[in-house]
Protein backbone atom coordinates (compact mmCIF):
# COMPACT_ATOMS: atom_id res chain seq x y z
CA MET A 1 90.87 122.68 110.63
CA ASP A 2 94.50 122.93 109.53
CA LYS A 3 96.17 120.12 107.56
CA ARG A 4 98.34 118.98 110.49
CA SER A 5 95.27 118.43 112.65
CA TRP A 6 93.59 116.50 109.85
CA ILE A 7 96.65 114.27 109.51
CA ARG A 8 96.99 113.70 113.26
CA ARG A 9 93.34 112.58 113.40
CA ARG A 10 94.37 109.61 111.22
CA ILE A 11 96.79 108.35 113.90
CA TYR A 12 94.92 106.11 116.33
CA SER A 13 95.52 104.18 119.51
CA ARG A 14 94.96 100.45 119.08
CA GLU A 15 91.71 100.58 121.05
CA ALA A 16 90.29 103.55 119.14
CA LEU A 17 91.25 101.98 115.82
CA ALA A 18 89.59 98.67 116.73
CA MET A 19 86.36 100.58 117.39
CA GLU A 20 86.73 102.53 114.14
CA CYS A 21 87.23 99.26 112.25
CA ASN A 22 83.92 98.05 113.67
CA VAL A 23 82.25 101.21 112.34
CA TRP A 24 83.82 100.71 108.90
CA ARG A 25 82.78 97.03 108.87
CA ALA A 26 79.21 98.00 109.76
CA ALA A 27 79.30 100.36 106.77
CA GLN A 28 80.41 97.37 104.63
CA LYS A 29 83.87 98.80 103.97
CA LYS A 30 86.65 96.36 103.04
CA ILE A 31 89.52 96.94 105.48
CA VAL A 32 93.08 96.34 104.25
CA PHE A 33 95.97 96.10 106.71
CA THR A 34 99.71 96.22 106.20
CA ASN A 35 102.55 96.89 108.59
CA GLY A 36 106.23 97.61 108.83
CA CYS A 37 108.96 99.84 110.18
CA PHE A 38 108.80 102.26 107.22
CA ASP A 39 111.93 103.85 108.64
CA ILE A 40 113.12 105.85 105.64
CA LEU A 41 110.14 106.08 103.31
CA HIS A 42 111.14 105.14 99.75
CA PHE A 43 109.59 104.15 96.42
CA GLY A 44 109.29 100.48 97.43
CA HIS A 45 107.26 101.43 100.50
CA LEU A 46 105.07 103.82 98.53
CA ASP A 47 104.41 101.23 95.83
CA LEU A 48 103.36 98.68 98.49
CA ILE A 49 101.07 101.21 100.19
CA ALA A 50 99.45 102.34 96.93
CA GLN A 51 98.83 98.78 95.76
CA ALA A 52 97.51 97.74 99.17
CA ALA A 53 95.07 100.65 99.12
CA GLY A 54 93.66 99.36 95.85
CA LEU A 55 92.62 96.08 97.48
CA GLY A 56 89.80 97.59 99.56
CA ASN A 57 88.06 100.72 100.80
CA ILE A 58 90.07 101.47 103.95
CA LEU A 59 93.84 101.14 104.35
CA VAL A 60 95.22 100.71 107.86
CA VAL A 61 98.98 100.79 108.45
CA GLY A 62 100.60 99.37 111.57
CA LEU A 63 103.98 100.90 112.42
CA ASN A 64 106.58 99.33 114.67
CA THR A 65 107.47 101.59 117.58
CA ASP A 66 111.04 102.82 117.96
CA ALA A 67 111.74 100.14 120.61
CA SER A 68 110.37 97.43 118.33
CA VAL A 69 112.46 98.67 115.37
CA LYS A 70 115.61 98.63 117.55
CA ARG A 71 114.96 95.01 118.56
CA LEU A 72 114.32 93.96 114.96
CA LYS A 73 116.89 96.06 113.05
CA GLY A 74 119.63 96.83 115.56
CA PRO A 75 120.75 99.62 117.90
CA GLU A 76 121.34 102.22 115.16
CA ARG A 77 117.74 102.05 113.96
CA PRO A 78 115.31 103.57 113.52
CA MET A 79 116.67 106.52 111.60
CA THR A 80 113.33 108.33 111.87
CA GLN A 81 111.45 108.43 115.19
CA GLU A 82 108.02 106.84 115.47
CA THR A 83 106.06 110.10 115.75
CA ASP A 84 107.60 111.34 112.51
CA ARG A 85 107.07 108.00 110.74
CA ALA A 86 103.43 107.95 111.87
CA PHE A 87 102.89 111.52 110.64
CA GLN A 88 104.53 110.73 107.28
CA MET A 89 102.36 107.65 106.79
CA ALA A 90 99.17 109.44 107.85
CA SER A 91 100.02 112.20 105.35
CA LEU A 92 99.60 109.80 102.43
CA LEU A 93 96.18 110.28 100.85
CA CYS A 94 95.64 106.55 100.31
CA VAL A 95 96.20 105.78 104.02
CA ASP A 96 93.10 106.04 106.20
CA ALA A 97 94.52 105.11 109.58
CA VAL A 98 97.88 104.56 111.27
CA THR A 99 98.64 102.95 114.59
CA LEU A 100 101.82 102.00 116.42
CA PHE A 101 102.56 98.57 117.87
CA GLU A 102 105.24 97.73 120.42
CA GLU A 103 105.42 93.98 119.83
CA ASP A 104 107.95 92.36 117.48
CA THR A 105 105.10 91.06 115.30
CA PRO A 106 101.72 92.61 114.47
CA LEU A 107 99.72 89.52 115.53
CA GLU A 108 98.00 91.17 118.51
CA LEU A 109 97.17 94.21 116.38
CA ILE A 110 95.80 92.07 113.54
CA THR A 111 93.70 90.13 116.06
CA ALA A 112 92.29 93.37 117.48
CA LEU A 113 91.50 94.92 114.07
CA ARG A 114 90.31 91.83 112.11
CA PRO A 115 91.15 93.18 108.64
CA ASP A 116 89.50 91.77 105.52
CA VAL A 117 92.82 91.76 103.67
CA LEU A 118 96.31 91.33 105.11
CA VAL A 119 99.06 92.65 102.82
CA LYS A 120 102.81 92.09 102.88
CA GLY A 121 105.63 92.80 100.45
CA GLY A 122 107.19 90.32 98.06
CA ASP A 123 110.02 89.48 100.44
CA TYR A 124 107.40 87.37 102.28
CA HIS A 125 105.66 84.18 101.22
CA HIS A 126 102.37 82.73 102.45
CA GLY A 127 104.11 80.45 104.93
CA ASN A 128 105.81 83.22 106.91
CA ILE A 129 103.22 86.00 107.13
CA VAL A 130 102.31 86.64 110.75
CA GLY A 131 98.53 86.72 111.17
CA ALA A 132 97.77 85.03 107.85
CA ASP A 133 96.16 81.97 109.44
CA PHE A 134 94.05 84.17 111.71
CA VAL A 135 92.81 86.36 108.84
CA LYS A 136 92.01 83.31 106.71
CA SER A 137 90.13 81.71 109.66
CA TYR A 138 87.23 84.16 109.26
CA GLY A 139 87.29 84.32 105.47
CA GLY A 140 89.81 87.13 105.03
CA GLU A 141 92.42 87.29 102.30
CA VAL A 142 96.19 87.48 102.31
CA ALA A 143 97.92 89.35 99.48
CA ILE A 144 101.60 89.62 98.63
CA ILE A 145 102.62 92.69 96.64
CA PRO A 146 105.67 92.08 94.41
CA PHE A 147 108.88 93.53 95.81
CA VAL A 148 110.35 96.51 93.93
CA ASP A 149 113.98 95.66 93.23
CA GLY A 150 116.62 98.18 94.20
CA TYR A 151 114.78 99.79 97.11
CA SER A 152 115.40 99.11 100.78
CA THR A 153 115.99 101.21 103.84
CA THR A 154 119.23 99.34 104.56
CA SER A 155 120.61 100.04 101.08
CA THR A 156 119.58 103.70 101.38
CA ILE A 157 121.44 104.00 104.70
CA GLU A 158 124.53 102.33 103.20
CA ARG A 159 124.45 104.69 100.21
CA ILE A 160 124.22 107.72 102.52
CA LYS A 161 127.16 106.46 104.60
CA ARG A 162 129.32 106.24 101.46
CA LEU A 163 128.68 109.90 100.55
């Protein structure tokens, strides 16, 4: 099997990923979930992903679809289309599964997957993490990874525009 096929096999539909999570849970794997637009992948994103992966055995990443990114970030976003963002994320060795979600928040996806650990970046706090109450309701954990100063997609886009 070529590398591209191997990477594409890590990109799941929501339904297929929910079933795969059940298999991983049955094998007593600790499932970690994080999500975001991950529009222009940068060091801050990679640091979050690497640290999230260290919190369990399986790392699942939920990616906002292009339509969802447009609603959240504005008409000029995303810079990178969803199929490319999914492929980039699935290419990371510490990422086990990637899935897209159309909604503005990942609540429905979190409910379907029932992760053991929900991870967000340091720009969040425990009171504003979507899905935190649900994950805690069955004994799951919520983790906040410290934000890496100086890295954001918006600042990267602004820097490119000035060139």
